[in-house]
Amino acid sequence: MPRNRDNHEESDEPELVPSGTLAKRVGVTARTIARYVEDGSLKPTEWTAGGHSRWDLEDGIRQWREVSAEKRRAKKQQHAKKREERSQK
């Protein structure tokens, strides 16, 4: 098996990173990632024996983009509905 520059064997499996690393890459806090995991919006690649989430970074970023876009759409719809209700009064 080929070795990378740190002399570790390369693997076809993605490197798994902790939630804090994912959070930094998408510009939020680790607590925000944890809340999205708790509500089922984000799904970690795996869990450690100690109960910590680990992420395939590319997949975590993809999930974040999808979920955050959906939440923004829902928020816009909610605001539009409130404006419409106010204008009918």
Protein backbone atom coordinates (compact mmCIF):
# COMPACT_ATOMS: atom_id res chain seq x y z
CA MET A 1 0.00 0.00 0.00
CA PRO A 2 1.39 3.47 -0.83
CA ARG A 3 2.58 5.69 1.97
CA ASN A 4 1.84 9.38 2.36
CA ARG A 5 4.50 11.98 3.17
CA ASP A 6 4.19 11.28 6.93
CA ASN A 7 5.10 7.65 6.17
CA HIS A 8 1.64 6.41 7.13
CA GLU A 9 -0.18 3.97 4.92
CA GLU A 10 -2.72 5.63 2.67
CA SER A 11 -6.24 4.32 2.79
CA ASP A 12 -9.26 4.47 0.53
CA GLU A 13 -11.32 5.30 3.58
CA PRO A 14 -11.88 9.02 4.23
CA GLU A 15 -10.17 10.66 7.16
CA LEU A 16 -12.72 11.17 9.91
CA VAL A 17 -12.64 14.43 11.85
CA PRO A 18 -14.33 15.63 15.07
CA SER A 19 -17.28 18.00 15.08
CA GLY A 20 -15.07 20.97 15.95
CA THR A 21 -13.14 20.55 12.71
CA LEU A 22 -16.34 20.37 10.68
CA ALA A 23 -17.70 23.40 12.54
CA LYS A 24 -14.61 25.48 11.73
CA ARG A 25 -14.82 24.54 8.05
CA VAL A 26 -18.47 25.63 7.76
CA GLY A 27 -18.13 28.69 10.01
CA VAL A 28 -20.23 27.73 13.04
CA THR A 29 -19.55 26.48 16.55
CA ALA A 30 -19.21 22.85 17.54
CA ARG A 31 -22.34 23.36 19.67
CA THR A 32 -24.31 24.31 16.54
CA ILE A 33 -23.21 21.09 14.88
CA ALA A 34 -24.19 19.17 18.03
CA ARG A 35 -27.68 20.74 18.01
CA TYR A 36 -28.21 19.74 14.38
CA VAL A 37 -27.09 16.20 15.21
CA GLU A 38 -29.45 16.13 18.19
CA ASP A 39 -32.44 17.19 16.09
CA GLY A 40 -31.54 14.68 13.36
CA SER A 41 -30.68 17.25 10.71
CA LEU A 42 -27.06 16.09 10.43
CA LYS A 43 -25.82 12.50 10.55
CA PRO A 44 -22.19 11.83 11.53
CA THR A 45 -20.24 9.20 9.62
CA GLU A 46 -19.66 7.25 12.83
CA TRP A 47 -19.62 7.42 16.60
CA THR A 48 -16.61 6.63 18.76
CA ALA A 49 -16.83 4.16 21.64
CA GLY A 50 -16.88 7.22 23.91
CA GLY A 51 -19.95 8.64 22.15
CA HIS A 52 -18.24 11.33 20.07
CA SER A 53 -19.24 11.96 16.48
CA ARG A 54 -16.76 11.66 13.65
CA TRP A 55 -17.26 13.07 10.17
CA ASP A 56 -16.10 12.41 6.66
CA LEU A 57 -15.30 16.08 6.12
CA GLU A 58 -16.63 16.29 2.57
CA ASP A 59 -19.88 14.57 3.53
CA GLY A 60 -20.30 16.75 6.62
CA ILE A 61 -19.84 19.91 4.55
CA ARG A 62 -22.33 18.63 1.96
CA GLN A 63 -24.88 17.85 4.68
CA TRP A 64 -24.36 21.25 6.29
CA ARG A 65 -24.91 23.08 3.01
CA GLU A 66 -28.12 21.16 2.31
CA VAL A 67 -29.53 21.55 5.81
CA SER A 68 -28.60 25.21 6.22
CA ALA A 69 -30.07 26.06 2.80
CA GLU A 70 -33.32 24.30 3.75
CA LYS A 71 -33.47 26.12 7.11
CA ARG A 72 -32.91 29.47 5.34
CA ARG A 73 -35.76 28.69 2.90
CA ALA A 74 -38.06 27.75 5.76
CA LYS A 75 -37.18 30.94 7.64
CA LYS A 76 -37.90 33.08 4.56
CA GLN A 77 -41.26 31.39 4.13
CA GLN A 78 -42.07 31.96 7.80
CA HIS A 79 -41.20 35.66 7.52
CA ALA A 80 -43.25 36.01 4.33
CA LYS A 81 -46.24 34.39 6.02
CA LYS A 82 -45.96 36.76 9.01
CA ARG A 83 -45.75 39.79 6.69
CA GLU A 84 -48.83 38.59 4.83
CA GLU A 85 -50.75 38.08 8.08
CA ARG A 86 -49.81 41.58 9.26
CA SER A 87 -50.87 43.15 5.96
CA GLN A 88 -54.31 41.52 6.21
CA LYS A 89 -55.05 43.14 9.57
